[in-house]
Amino acid sequence: MLLRVGVQARSVVDPHFQAQIASLLTEQDLVIGFSLSGRTKDTYDSLNIAKKNHAKILAITNYLLSPIAQLADIVLQTAIEEFLDGASLAGKISQLYLCDLLVQKYEVENDVNSVELRETVLRSILDKSLD
């Protein structure tokens, strides 16, 4: 989503890669950590490494008092009950919705011409189809 508004970002789900990348971050970087419970050890560990390197931490979680939320500079709270249904579609959609709102706000605040960016990206992939 962030690429569509010109932000160079990447999603890293492997905890070993997360730790490696986090170890190279600086105060110029932002890390967005996702954990509905706010207690996922791998996510916490990677965010902690990033925090020690002075990166900004944005947590998206259900629980404001969770370890991940306490580590974060900013917390966006979701409200999906997942006690017996971890990793539900509703939980993922709630986090995805917050991401969409963040991208829209970034686009407005930074006067991003997203139509022009989408055209540029589309031109770069037009010849990727075999049809």
N, C-alpha and C. Protein backbone atom coordinates (compact mmCIF):
# COMPACT_ATOMS: atom_id res chain seq x y z
N MET A 1 0.81 -1.19 0.00
CA MET A 1 0.00 0.00 0.00
C MET A 1 0.86 1.26 0.00
N LEU A 2 1.90 1.27 0.79
CA LEU A 2 2.74 2.46 0.87
C LEU A 2 3.45 2.76 -0.45
N LEU A 3 3.78 1.72 -1.19
CA LEU A 3 4.44 1.91 -2.48
C LEU A 3 3.57 2.73 -3.42
N ARG A 4 2.26 2.57 -3.31
CA ARG A 4 1.34 3.32 -4.18
C ARG A 4 1.39 4.82 -3.95
N VAL A 5 1.91 5.24 -2.80
CA VAL A 5 2.04 6.68 -2.54
C VAL A 5 3.51 7.10 -2.50
N GLY A 6 4.39 6.26 -3.06
CA GLY A 6 5.78 6.63 -3.21
C GLY A 6 6.68 6.36 -2.02
N VAL A 7 6.21 5.63 -1.04
CA VAL A 7 7.02 5.33 0.14
C VAL A 7 7.70 3.97 -0.07
N GLN A 8 9.02 3.97 0.04
CA GLN A 8 9.76 2.72 -0.07
C GLN A 8 9.60 1.96 1.24
N ALA A 9 8.91 0.85 1.19
CA ALA A 9 8.64 0.06 2.39
C ALA A 9 8.67 -1.42 2.02
N ARG A 10 8.84 -2.23 3.03
CA ARG A 10 8.80 -3.68 2.78
C ARG A 10 8.16 -4.39 3.96
N SER A 11 7.55 -5.49 3.64
CA SER A 11 6.93 -6.34 4.66
C SER A 11 7.88 -7.50 4.92
N VAL A 12 8.21 -7.70 6.17
CA VAL A 12 9.12 -8.78 6.53
C VAL A 12 8.44 -9.64 7.58
N VAL A 13 8.13 -10.87 7.22
CA VAL A 13 7.43 -11.74 8.16
C VAL A 13 8.36 -12.75 8.85
N ASP A 14 9.50 -13.01 8.26
CA ASP A 14 10.45 -13.95 8.87
C ASP A 14 11.15 -13.28 10.05
N PRO A 15 11.05 -13.87 11.25
CA PRO A 15 11.63 -13.23 12.43
C PRO A 15 13.14 -13.04 12.37
N HIS A 16 13.85 -13.93 11.68
CA HIS A 16 15.30 -13.76 11.57
C HIS A 16 15.64 -12.55 10.69
N PHE A 17 14.92 -12.40 9.58
CA PHE A 17 15.12 -11.23 8.73
C PHE A 17 14.68 -9.96 9.44
N GLN A 18 13.59 -10.05 10.21
CA GLN A 18 13.14 -8.88 10.97
C GLN A 18 14.26 -8.39 11.89
N ALA A 19 14.87 -9.31 12.61
CA ALA A 19 15.93 -8.94 13.55
C ALA A 19 17.13 -8.34 12.83
N GLN A 20 17.48 -8.92 11.70
CA GLN A 20 18.62 -8.41 10.93
C GLN A 20 18.35 -7.00 10.42
N ILE A 21 17.17 -6.80 9.87
CA ILE A 21 16.81 -5.48 9.35
C ILE A 21 16.71 -4.47 10.50
N ALA A 22 16.09 -4.88 11.59
CA ALA A 22 15.93 -3.99 12.74
C ALA A 22 17.28 -3.53 13.28
N SER A 23 18.28 -4.39 13.20
CA SER A 23 19.60 -4.04 13.73
C SER A 23 20.28 -2.94 12.91
N LEU A 24 19.80 -2.69 11.70
CA LEU A 24 20.40 -1.67 10.83
C LEU A 24 19.58 -0.39 10.74
N LEU A 25 18.48 -0.32 11.46
CA LEU A 25 17.63 0.86 11.39
C LEU A 25 18.22 2.01 12.20
N THR A 26 17.73 3.22 11.90
CA THR A 26 18.19 4.42 12.59
C THR A 26 16.99 5.25 13.03
N GLU A 27 17.27 6.41 13.59
CA GLU A 27 16.19 7.32 14.01
C GLU A 27 15.40 7.86 12.83
N GLN A 28 15.87 7.65 11.63
CA GLN A 28 15.16 8.09 10.42
C GLN A 28 14.09 7.09 9.97
N ASP A 29 14.04 5.93 10.62
CA ASP A 29 13.17 4.85 10.17
C ASP A 29 11.93 4.69 11.05
N LEU A 30 10.89 4.15 10.44
CA LEU A 30 9.65 3.80 11.13
C LEU A 30 9.39 2.32 10.92
N VAL A 31 9.06 1.65 12.00
CA VAL A 31 8.69 0.24 11.95
C VAL A 31 7.24 0.13 12.38
N ILE A 32 6.46 -0.61 11.61
CA ILE A 32 5.07 -0.87 11.98
C ILE A 32 4.99 -2.33 12.39
N GLY A 33 4.62 -2.56 13.65
CA GLY A 33 4.51 -3.92 14.17
C GLY A 33 3.04 -4.30 14.33
N PHE A 34 2.70 -5.48 13.85
CA PHE A 34 1.33 -5.98 13.91
C PHE A 34 1.26 -7.16 14.86
N SER A 35 0.37 -7.08 15.83
CA SER A 35 0.11 -8.21 16.72
C SER A 35 -1.22 -7.95 17.41
N LEU A 36 -2.21 -8.74 17.10
CA LEU A 36 -3.51 -8.52 17.73
C LEU A 36 -3.40 -8.69 19.25
N SER A 37 -2.66 -9.67 19.70
CA SER A 37 -2.52 -9.88 21.14
C SER A 37 -1.55 -8.88 21.77
N GLY A 38 -0.62 -8.39 20.97
CA GLY A 38 0.42 -7.51 21.51
C GLY A 38 1.47 -8.26 22.30
N ARG A 39 1.43 -9.57 22.21
CA ARG A 39 2.33 -10.41 23.02
C ARG A 39 3.12 -11.41 22.18
N THR A 40 3.22 -11.19 20.88
CA THR A 40 3.95 -12.10 20.01
C THR A 40 5.45 -11.89 20.22
N LYS A 41 6.13 -12.92 20.72
CA LYS A 41 7.53 -12.78 21.11
C LYS A 41 8.42 -12.35 19.95
N ASP A 42 8.30 -12.99 18.80
CA ASP A 42 9.17 -12.63 17.67
C ASP A 42 8.98 -11.17 17.27
N THR A 43 7.74 -10.73 17.24
CA THR A 43 7.46 -9.33 16.89
C THR A 43 8.03 -8.41 17.95
N TYR A 44 7.82 -8.73 19.20
CA TYR A 44 8.36 -7.92 20.29
C TYR A 44 9.88 -7.83 20.20
N ASP A 45 10.54 -8.95 19.99
CA ASP A 45 12.00 -8.97 19.93
C ASP A 45 12.52 -8.07 18.80
N SER A 46 11.91 -8.16 17.64
CA SER A 46 12.35 -7.35 16.50
C SER A 46 12.09 -5.87 16.74
N LEU A 47 10.94 -5.55 17.31
CA LEU A 47 10.63 -4.15 17.62
C LEU A 47 11.59 -3.61 18.68
N ASN A 48 11.95 -4.44 19.61
CA ASN A 48 12.89 -4.03 20.66
C ASN A 48 14.26 -3.70 20.08
N ILE A 49 14.72 -4.49 19.13
CA ILE A 49 15.99 -4.21 18.46
C ILE A 49 15.90 -2.88 17.72
N ALA A 50 14.80 -2.68 17.00
CA ALA A 50 14.60 -1.42 16.27
C ALA A 50 14.57 -0.24 17.23
N LYS A 51 13.90 -0.40 18.35
CA LYS A 51 13.80 0.67 19.35
C LYS A 51 15.17 1.02 19.91
N LYS A 52 16.00 0.02 20.15
CA LYS A 52 17.35 0.28 20.65
C LYS A 52 18.19 1.07 19.65
N ASN A 53 17.83 0.97 18.37
CA ASN A 53 18.51 1.73 17.32
C ASN A 53 17.81 3.06 17.04
N HIS A 54 16.87 3.41 17.91
CA HIS A 54 16.17 4.70 17.85
C HIS A 54 15.19 4.84 16.69
N ALA A 55 14.79 3.72 16.09
CA ALA A 55 13.74 3.78 15.07
C ALA A 55 12.42 4.08 15.77
N LYS A 56 11.51 4.73 15.07
CA LYS A 56 10.17 4.99 15.61
C LYS A 56 9.36 3.71 15.46
N ILE A 57 8.53 3.43 16.46
CA ILE A 57 7.73 2.21 16.46
C ILE A 57 6.25 2.58 16.47
N LEU A 58 5.52 2.04 15.50
CA LEU A 58 4.06 2.15 15.44
C LEU A 58 3.52 0.73 15.62
N ALA A 59 2.72 0.53 16.66
CA ALA A 59 2.14 -0.79 16.92
C ALA A 59 0.66 -0.77 16.56
N ILE A 60 0.24 -1.83 15.90
CA ILE A 60 -1.18 -2.02 15.61
C ILE A 60 -1.58 -3.29 16.34
N THR A 61 -2.41 -3.12 17.38
CA THR A 61 -2.73 -4.22 18.29
C THR A 61 -4.08 -4.00 18.95
N ASN A 62 -4.62 -5.03 19.52
CA ASN A 62 -5.88 -4.93 20.27
C ASN A 62 -5.69 -4.32 21.66
N TYR A 63 -4.50 -4.50 22.23
CA TYR A 63 -4.35 -4.24 23.65
C TYR A 63 -3.33 -3.13 23.94
N LEU A 64 -3.81 -2.03 24.49
CA LEU A 64 -2.97 -0.86 24.76
C LEU A 64 -1.94 -1.09 25.85
N LEU A 65 -2.18 -2.07 26.71
CA LEU A 65 -1.25 -2.34 27.80
C LEU A 65 -0.35 -3.55 27.53
N SER A 66 -0.38 -4.05 26.31
CA SER A 66 0.44 -5.21 25.96
C SER A 66 1.91 -4.81 25.87
N PRO A 67 2.81 -5.79 25.94
CA PRO A 67 4.25 -5.48 25.83
C PRO A 67 4.61 -4.73 24.54
N ILE A 68 4.03 -5.12 23.43
CA ILE A 68 4.34 -4.46 22.16
C ILE A 68 3.83 -3.02 22.17
N ALA A 69 2.65 -2.81 22.70
CA ALA A 69 2.10 -1.45 22.79
C ALA A 69 2.96 -0.59 23.69
N GLN A 70 3.45 -1.15 24.79
CA GLN A 70 4.28 -0.38 25.72
C GLN A 70 5.62 0.01 25.10
N LEU A 71 6.09 -0.78 24.17
CA LEU A 71 7.35 -0.52 23.48
C LEU A 71 7.20 0.56 22.41
N ALA A 72 6.00 0.72 21.90
CA ALA A 72 5.74 1.59 20.75
C ALA A 72 5.72 3.07 21.11
N ASP A 73 6.04 3.89 20.12
CA ASP A 73 5.90 5.34 20.24
C ASP A 73 4.46 5.75 20.00
N ILE A 74 3.80 5.03 19.11
CA ILE A 74 2.39 5.29 18.77
C ILE A 74 1.69 3.93 18.69
N VAL A 75 0.47 3.87 19.22
CA VAL A 75 -0.32 2.64 19.16
C VAL A 75 -1.64 2.94 18.48
N LEU A 76 -1.98 2.13 17.49
CA LEU A 76 -3.31 2.16 16.90
C LEU A 76 -4.01 0.89 17.35
N GLN A 77 -5.16 1.07 17.96
CA GLN A 77 -5.85 -0.07 18.57
C GLN A 77 -6.93 -0.62 17.66
N THR A 78 -6.91 -1.93 17.49
CA THR A 78 -8.00 -2.64 16.84
C THR A 78 -8.91 -3.17 17.93
N ALA A 79 -10.04 -3.70 17.55
CA ALA A 79 -11.01 -4.16 18.56
C ALA A 79 -11.70 -5.43 18.10
N ILE A 80 -10.91 -6.44 17.83
CA ILE A 80 -11.44 -7.73 17.40
C ILE A 80 -11.13 -8.76 18.47
N GLU A 81 -12.15 -9.39 19.00
CA GLU A 81 -11.96 -10.42 20.02
C GLU A 81 -11.46 -11.69 19.35
N GLU A 82 -10.29 -12.16 19.77
CA GLU A 82 -9.69 -13.34 19.15
C GLU A 82 -9.24 -14.36 20.19
N PHE A 83 -9.88 -14.41 21.30
CA PHE A 83 -9.43 -15.28 22.37
C PHE A 83 -9.29 -16.74 21.92
N LEU A 84 -10.28 -17.25 21.22
CA LEU A 84 -10.23 -18.65 20.78
C LEU A 84 -10.03 -18.79 19.28
N ASP A 85 -9.90 -17.68 18.58
CA ASP A 85 -9.84 -17.73 17.12
C ASP A 85 -8.67 -16.91 16.61
N GLY A 86 -7.46 -17.25 17.03
CA GLY A 86 -6.28 -16.50 16.61
C GLY A 86 -6.13 -16.46 15.11
N ALA A 87 -5.64 -15.33 14.61
CA ALA A 87 -5.38 -15.12 13.19
C ALA A 87 -6.65 -15.17 12.35
N SER A 88 -7.74 -14.68 12.88
CA SER A 88 -8.99 -14.68 12.12
C SER A 88 -8.96 -13.66 11.00
N LEU A 89 -9.82 -13.86 10.04
CA LEU A 89 -9.94 -12.93 8.93
C LEU A 89 -10.37 -11.54 9.42
N ALA A 90 -11.27 -11.51 10.38
CA ALA A 90 -11.74 -10.22 10.92
C ALA A 90 -10.59 -9.44 11.54
N GLY A 91 -9.70 -10.11 12.25
CA GLY A 91 -8.55 -9.45 12.84
C GLY A 91 -7.62 -8.88 11.78
N LYS A 92 -7.38 -9.67 10.74
CA LYS A 92 -6.50 -9.21 9.66
C LYS A 92 -7.13 -8.03 8.92
N ILE A 93 -8.43 -8.09 8.70
CA ILE A 93 -9.11 -7.00 8.00
C ILE A 93 -9.08 -5.73 8.84
N SER A 94 -9.22 -5.85 10.15
CA SER A 94 -9.17 -4.65 11.01
C SER A 94 -7.81 -3.98 10.91
N GLN A 95 -6.75 -4.76 10.88
CA GLN A 95 -5.41 -4.19 10.75
C GLN A 95 -5.18 -3.62 9.35
N LEU A 96 -5.68 -4.31 8.35
CA LEU A 96 -5.56 -3.83 6.97
C LEU A 96 -6.31 -2.51 6.79
N TYR A 97 -7.46 -2.38 7.43
CA TYR A 97 -8.23 -1.14 7.36
C TYR A 97 -7.43 0.02 7.95
N LEU A 98 -6.78 -0.20 9.10
CA LEU A 98 -5.95 0.85 9.68
C LEU A 98 -4.79 1.22 8.76
N CYS A 99 -4.21 0.24 8.10
CA CYS A 99 -3.14 0.53 7.14
C CYS A 99 -3.65 1.39 6.00
N ASP A 100 -4.82 1.07 5.51
CA ASP A 100 -5.41 1.86 4.43
C ASP A 100 -5.65 3.30 4.87
N LEU A 101 -6.13 3.50 6.08
CA LEU A 101 -6.33 4.85 6.61
C LEU A 101 -5.00 5.61 6.72
N LEU A 102 -3.95 4.92 7.17
CA LEU A 102 -2.65 5.56 7.27
C LEU A 102 -2.14 6.01 5.91
N VAL A 103 -2.29 5.17 4.91
CA VAL A 103 -1.84 5.51 3.57
C VAL A 103 -2.64 6.69 3.02
N GLN A 104 -3.95 6.66 3.21
CA GLN A 104 -4.78 7.78 2.74
C GLN A 104 -4.37 9.09 3.41
N LYS A 105 -4.14 9.05 4.71
CA LYS A 105 -3.73 10.26 5.43
C LYS A 105 -2.37 10.74 4.95
N TYR A 106 -1.45 9.83 4.74
CA TYR A 106 -0.13 10.19 4.23
C TYR A 106 -0.27 10.88 2.87
N GLU A 107 -1.11 10.31 2.03
CA GLU A 107 -1.33 10.85 0.69
C GLU A 107 -1.85 12.30 0.76
N VAL A 108 -2.79 12.56 1.64
CA VAL A 108 -3.38 13.89 1.78
C VAL A 108 -2.36 14.85 2.40
N GLU A 109 -1.73 14.45 3.49
CA GLU A 109 -0.81 15.32 4.22
C GLU A 109 0.42 15.70 3.39
N ASN A 110 0.83 14.81 2.49
CA ASN A 110 2.04 15.05 1.71
C ASN A 110 1.74 15.43 0.26
N ASP A 111 0.46 15.73 -0.02
CA ASP A 111 0.04 16.17 -1.35
C ASP A 111 0.58 15.24 -2.45
N VAL A 112 0.37 13.96 -2.25
CA VAL A 112 0.87 12.94 -3.17
C VAL A 112 -0.07 12.84 -4.37
N ASN A 113 0.51 12.85 -5.55
CA ASN A 113 -0.27 12.65 -6.77
C ASN A 113 -0.29 11.15 -7.05
N SER A 114 -1.22 10.45 -6.42
CA SER A 114 -1.23 8.99 -6.51
C SER A 114 -1.60 8.50 -7.91
N VAL A 115 -2.37 9.28 -8.65
CA VAL A 115 -2.72 8.87 -10.02
C VAL A 115 -1.46 8.81 -10.87
N GLU A 116 -0.61 9.82 -10.76
CA GLU A 116 0.64 9.83 -11.51
C GLU A 116 1.55 8.68 -11.09
N LEU A 117 1.63 8.42 -9.78
CA LEU A 117 2.45 7.31 -9.31
C LEU A 117 1.92 5.96 -9.81
N ARG A 118 0.62 5.78 -9.78
CA ARG A 118 0.03 4.52 -10.27
C ARG A 118 0.30 4.32 -11.75
N GLU A 119 0.22 5.41 -12.52
CA GLU A 119 0.53 5.32 -13.95
C GLU A 119 1.98 4.91 -14.17
N THR A 120 2.89 5.49 -13.40
CA THR A 120 4.31 5.15 -13.50
C THR A 120 4.54 3.68 -13.20
N VAL A 121 3.93 3.21 -12.13
CA VAL A 121 4.08 1.80 -11.75
C VAL A 121 3.44 0.90 -12.80
N LEU A 122 2.26 1.26 -13.27
CA LEU A 122 1.58 0.45 -14.28
C LEU A 122 2.43 0.33 -15.55
N ARG A 123 3.03 1.44 -15.99
CA ARG A 123 3.89 1.39 -17.18
C ARG A 123 5.06 0.43 -16.99
N SER A 124 5.55 0.33 -15.77
CA SER A 124 6.71 -0.53 -15.51
C SER A 124 6.37 -2.02 -15.57
N ILE A 125 5.10 -2.36 -15.43
CA ILE A 125 4.72 -3.78 -15.40
C ILE A 125 3.84 -4.20 -16.58
N LEU A 126 3.57 -3.28 -17.50
CA LEU A 126 2.68 -3.62 -18.62
C LEU A 126 3.16 -4.81 -19.43
N ASP A 127 4.44 -4.97 -19.63
CA ASP A 127 4.94 -6.06 -20.46
C ASP A 127 5.23 -7.33 -19.66
N LYS A 128 4.75 -7.41 -18.43
CA LYS A 128 5.01 -8.59 -17.60
C LYS A 128 4.03 -9.73 -17.85
N SER A 129 2.94 -9.45 -18.55
CA SER A 129 1.96 -10.49 -18.84
C SER A 129 2.33 -11.23 -20.12
N LEU A 130 2.14 -12.54 -20.13
CA LEU A 130 2.43 -13.34 -21.30
C LEU A 130 1.31 -13.28 -22.34
N ASP A 131 0.17 -12.75 -21.97
CA ASP A 131 -0.97 -12.68 -22.89
C ASP A 131 -0.90 -11.47 -23.78
